[in-house]
Amino acid sequence: MEERTLEILSSSIANSLLKGIDENGYASLVVCGGKSPLPLYEKLSNKNLDWSKVQILLGDDRVVAQDHEDSNEQLIKNHLLVNNASVANFRSLLHPTLSKEYIKLPFDLVLLGLGNDGHFASLFPDQLNHLSAFDINAAPDFIYSDQPLGTPSYKRISMNLSMLLNAKRCILLVPSDEKRNIVEQAHCSEQLPLHFLLTQDKTRVEFSDLDFK
């Protein structure tokens, strides 16, 4: 993403968190893994707000040790939970006591990445027949894969679409022309998981490449 987009987007996210803190005494941010968001996280981590009142969760993670090089959790700890944001409250999806009943909904903001196969979070084409993964009317829940998925290939845990969309704002990160082409294809193809995010009318999806210039 261009520097201007990073600045506008990080400021917009920070404003949503400030609004949540002002209205409720706390704010919640769901983030995504991968390399593309790292410059955004580093910029966001320097924003001036009361991060001690912000809860951060990953929308998905790979089922690996928390200090594994392919752990999204490790990525977030190294690039977002630093600087001013070092005092934010991070809740691990892999913690044995994590339960959907302890997650306060709606989230203030959900950030989603996008894979070349049209997956978002860890909702992959192989899971299109999963009853509650893509149903926006399903109960908010976690989806556990029983086989390795994606690249790198690991078993995964992911919020389902219903939980991800239980949010005041949802932003899809589209960092390149290649990813924009996938978005355009997904509008018309039910074979791409992204289709079910784009065609729902529960929560408006904002796009990093269109809405933050």
Protein backbone atom coordinates (compact mmCIF):
# COMPACT_ATOMS: atom_id res chain seq x y z
CA MET A 1 0.00 0.00 0.00
CA GLU A 2 1.13 3.54 -0.71
CA GLU A 3 2.29 5.73 2.16
CA ARG A 4 -0.71 8.06 1.81
CA THR A 5 -3.13 5.11 1.99
CA LEU A 6 -1.32 3.73 5.04
CA GLU A 7 -1.62 7.06 6.85
CA ILE A 8 -5.30 7.59 6.00
CA LEU A 9 -6.19 3.99 6.82
CA SER A 10 -4.29 3.87 10.13
CA SER A 11 -5.87 7.17 11.20
CA SER A 12 -9.34 5.88 10.30
CA ILE A 13 -8.78 2.72 12.35
CA ALA A 14 -7.50 4.75 15.30
CA ASN A 15 -10.56 7.01 15.13
CA SER A 16 -12.86 3.98 15.33
CA LEU A 17 -10.99 2.75 18.39
CA LEU A 18 -11.17 6.18 20.00
CA LYS A 19 -14.91 6.28 19.35
CA GLY A 20 -15.37 2.84 20.90
CA ILE A 21 -13.41 3.85 24.00
CA ASP A 22 -15.41 7.07 24.29
CA GLU A 23 -18.77 5.31 23.95
CA ASN A 24 -18.14 2.06 25.85
CA GLY A 25 -14.95 2.45 27.84
CA TYR A 26 -13.15 -0.06 25.62
CA ALA A 27 -12.68 -0.90 21.94
CA SER A 28 -12.09 -4.11 20.01
CA LEU A 29 -10.00 -4.68 16.90
CA VAL A 30 -9.82 -7.89 14.88
CA VAL A 31 -6.69 -8.13 12.74
CA CYS A 32 -5.35 -10.43 10.03
CA GLY A 33 -2.00 -12.12 9.54
CA GLY A 34 0.30 -12.15 6.54
CA LYS A 35 3.05 -9.81 5.38
CA SER A 36 0.93 -7.21 3.54
CA PRO A 37 -0.51 -5.52 6.67
CA LEU A 38 2.81 -5.15 8.51
CA PRO A 39 3.54 -1.54 7.43
CA LEU A 40 -0.03 -0.66 8.45
CA TYR A 41 0.40 -2.27 11.87
CA GLU A 42 3.65 -0.48 12.51
CA LYS A 43 2.05 2.87 11.67
CA LEU A 44 -1.04 2.06 13.73
CA SER A 45 1.07 1.09 16.75
CA ASN A 46 2.29 4.68 17.01
CA LYS A 47 -1.18 6.23 17.14
CA ASN A 48 -1.91 8.21 20.27
CA LEU A 49 -4.82 6.59 22.10
CA ASP A 50 -5.39 4.65 25.31
CA TRP A 51 -4.31 1.26 24.01
CA SER A 52 -4.79 -0.27 27.46
CA LYS A 53 -8.52 -0.08 26.71
CA VAL A 54 -8.22 -1.85 23.34
CA GLN A 55 -8.73 -5.59 22.93
CA ILE A 56 -6.98 -7.11 19.90
CA LEU A 57 -7.79 -10.52 18.44
CA LEU A 58 -6.78 -12.30 15.28
CA GLY A 59 -9.57 -13.29 12.93
CA ASP A 60 -7.70 -16.54 12.35
CA ASP A 61 -4.44 -18.29 13.06
CA ARG A 62 -2.41 -21.34 12.18
CA VAL A 63 -2.36 -24.08 14.80
CA VAL A 64 1.33 -23.87 15.62
CA ALA A 65 3.33 -22.88 18.68
CA GLN A 66 2.89 -19.21 19.57
CA ASP A 67 6.58 -18.51 18.91
CA HIS A 68 6.64 -20.42 15.60
CA GLU A 69 7.90 -18.45 12.60
CA ASP A 70 4.60 -19.07 10.78
CA SER A 71 2.41 -18.00 13.70
CA ASN A 72 0.18 -15.01 12.99
CA GLU A 73 0.21 -14.35 16.72
CA GLN A 74 3.97 -13.92 16.69
CA LEU A 75 3.63 -11.56 13.73
CA ILE A 76 1.14 -9.37 15.60
CA LYS A 77 3.28 -9.30 18.72
CA ASN A 78 6.31 -8.19 16.72
CA HIS A 79 4.66 -5.56 14.52
CA LEU A 80 1.48 -4.28 16.22
CA LEU A 81 1.87 -4.86 19.96
CA VAL A 82 4.81 -2.45 20.06
CA ASN A 83 5.33 1.27 20.61
CA ASN A 84 2.16 2.87 22.01
CA ALA A 85 0.18 -0.31 21.34
CA SER A 86 2.42 -2.44 23.55
CA VAL A 87 -0.14 -2.12 26.38
CA ALA A 88 -3.11 -3.32 24.32
CA ASN A 89 -4.94 -6.43 25.51
CA PHE A 90 -4.22 -9.27 23.10
CA ARG A 91 -6.32 -12.44 23.29
CA SER A 92 -4.91 -15.52 21.62
CA LEU A 93 -7.21 -17.69 19.51
CA LEU A 94 -5.13 -20.67 20.60
CA HIS A 95 -5.49 -20.06 24.33
CA PRO A 96 -7.28 -23.08 25.84
CA THR A 97 -9.68 -20.89 27.80
CA LEU A 98 -10.80 -18.75 24.86
CA SER A 99 -14.53 -19.09 24.33
CA LYS A 100 -16.92 -17.25 22.05
CA GLU A 101 -19.00 -16.47 25.14
CA TYR A 102 -16.19 -14.24 26.44
CA ILE A 103 -15.91 -12.18 23.26
CA LYS A 104 -17.83 -8.93 23.34
CA LEU A 105 -19.74 -8.26 20.15
CA PRO A 106 -20.00 -6.26 18.04
CA PHE A 107 -16.33 -5.60 17.29
CA ASP A 108 -15.47 -1.99 16.62
CA LEU A 109 -13.47 -2.89 13.53
CA VAL A 110 -12.45 -6.02 11.62
CA LEU A 111 -9.49 -6.08 9.22
CA LEU A 112 -9.42 -8.85 6.64
CA GLY A 113 -6.72 -9.96 4.24
CA LEU A 114 -7.23 -11.79 0.97
CA GLY A 115 -5.52 -14.84 -0.50
CA ASN A 116 -4.93 -15.64 -4.17
CA ASP A 117 -7.51 -18.43 -3.97
CA GLY A 118 -10.14 -16.00 -2.72
CA HIS A 119 -9.93 -17.01 0.94
CA PHE A 120 -10.16 -14.51 3.77
CA ALA A 121 -9.35 -15.15 7.42
CA SER A 122 -8.84 -18.95 7.31
CA LEU A 123 -12.01 -19.67 5.35
CA PHE A 124 -10.77 -21.57 2.30
CA PRO A 125 -12.39 -23.00 -0.85
CA ASP A 126 -12.13 -26.48 0.71
CA GLN A 127 -14.56 -25.30 3.39
CA LEU A 128 -17.30 -23.96 1.12
CA ASN A 129 -19.62 -26.79 2.17
CA HIS A 130 -19.09 -26.19 5.87
CA LEU A 131 -22.55 -25.42 7.26
CA SER A 132 -21.67 -22.47 9.47
CA ALA A 133 -18.48 -21.09 7.90
CA PHE A 134 -20.11 -18.78 5.34
CA ASP A 135 -23.69 -18.48 6.61
CA ILE A 136 -24.18 -14.91 7.86
CA ASN A 137 -27.20 -16.09 9.85
CA ALA A 138 -25.26 -18.80 11.70
CA ALA A 139 -24.33 -18.32 15.33
CA PRO A 140 -20.97 -16.54 15.69
CA ASP A 141 -18.44 -19.28 16.21
CA PHE A 142 -14.92 -20.58 15.55
CA ILE A 143 -14.17 -22.91 12.67
CA TYR A 144 -11.47 -25.54 13.21
CA SER A 145 -10.01 -27.26 10.15
CA ASP A 146 -9.43 -31.00 10.50
CA GLN A 147 -6.75 -30.96 7.80
CA PRO A 148 -3.89 -28.63 6.84
CA LEU A 149 -4.97 -25.73 4.64
CA GLY A 150 -3.33 -22.86 2.77
CA THR A 151 0.28 -21.91 2.22
CA PRO A 152 2.11 -22.58 4.46
CA SER A 153 -0.03 -25.64 5.09
CA TYR A 154 -1.27 -25.99 8.68
CA LYS A 155 -4.45 -26.77 10.50
CA ARG A 156 -6.29 -23.54 11.16
CA ILE A 157 -8.69 -21.79 13.50
CA SER A 158 -10.88 -19.00 12.17
CA MET A 159 -13.83 -16.87 13.15
CA ASN A 160 -16.77 -17.73 10.91
CA LEU A 161 -18.26 -15.14 8.58
CA SER A 162 -21.10 -14.45 11.01
CA MET A 163 -18.67 -13.52 13.78
CA LEU A 164 -16.41 -11.47 11.49
CA LEU A 165 -19.39 -9.45 10.29
CA ASN A 166 -20.65 -8.78 13.80
CA ALA A 167 -18.74 -5.53 13.60
CA LYS A 168 -19.34 -1.81 13.27
CA ARG A 169 -16.79 -1.65 10.45
CA CYS A 170 -15.15 -4.24 8.19
CA ILE A 171 -12.17 -3.33 6.00
CA LEU A 172 -10.76 -5.63 3.32
CA LEU A 173 -7.09 -5.04 2.56
CA VAL A 174 -6.53 -4.99 -1.21
CA PRO A 175 -2.82 -4.12 -1.56
CA SER A 176 -2.27 -4.77 -5.28
CA ASP A 177 -3.86 -4.89 -8.73
CA GLU A 178 -3.67 -8.68 -8.54
CA LYS A 179 -5.79 -8.70 -5.40
CA ARG A 180 -8.21 -6.19 -6.94
CA ASN A 181 -8.73 -8.64 -9.82
CA ILE A 182 -9.59 -11.37 -7.31
CA VAL A 183 -12.16 -9.05 -5.71
CA GLU A 184 -13.77 -8.42 -9.09
CA GLN A 185 -13.88 -12.15 -9.88
CA ALA A 186 -15.37 -12.95 -6.49
CA HIS A 187 -18.44 -10.80 -7.08
CA CYS A 188 -19.58 -13.35 -9.65
CA SER A 189 -18.05 -16.64 -8.51
CA GLU A 190 -19.43 -18.71 -5.65
CA GLN A 191 -16.30 -20.87 -5.93
CA LEU A 192 -14.33 -18.11 -4.22
CA PRO A 193 -14.95 -17.74 -0.46
CA LEU A 194 -14.72 -13.96 -0.82
CA HIS A 195 -17.99 -14.04 -2.77
CA PHE A 196 -19.92 -14.58 0.45
CA LEU A 197 -18.29 -11.59 2.14
CA LEU A 198 -18.92 -9.28 -0.81
CA THR A 199 -22.54 -10.24 -1.52
CA GLN A 200 -23.93 -10.05 2.03
CA ASP A 201 -25.89 -7.03 3.23
CA LYS A 202 -25.24 -7.34 6.98
CA THR A 203 -22.13 -5.18 7.22
CA ARG A 204 -20.67 -2.78 4.68
CA VAL A 205 -17.24 -3.83 3.41
CA GLU A 206 -14.72 -1.03 2.93
CA PHE A 207 -11.75 -1.51 0.58
CA SER A 208 -8.27 -0.23 1.35
CA ASP A 209 -7.56 0.57 -2.30
CA LEU A 210 -10.82 2.45 -2.96
CA ASP A 211 -11.97 4.05 0.27
CA PHE A 212 -8.71 5.38 1.72
CA LYS A 213 -7.11 7.55 -0.93
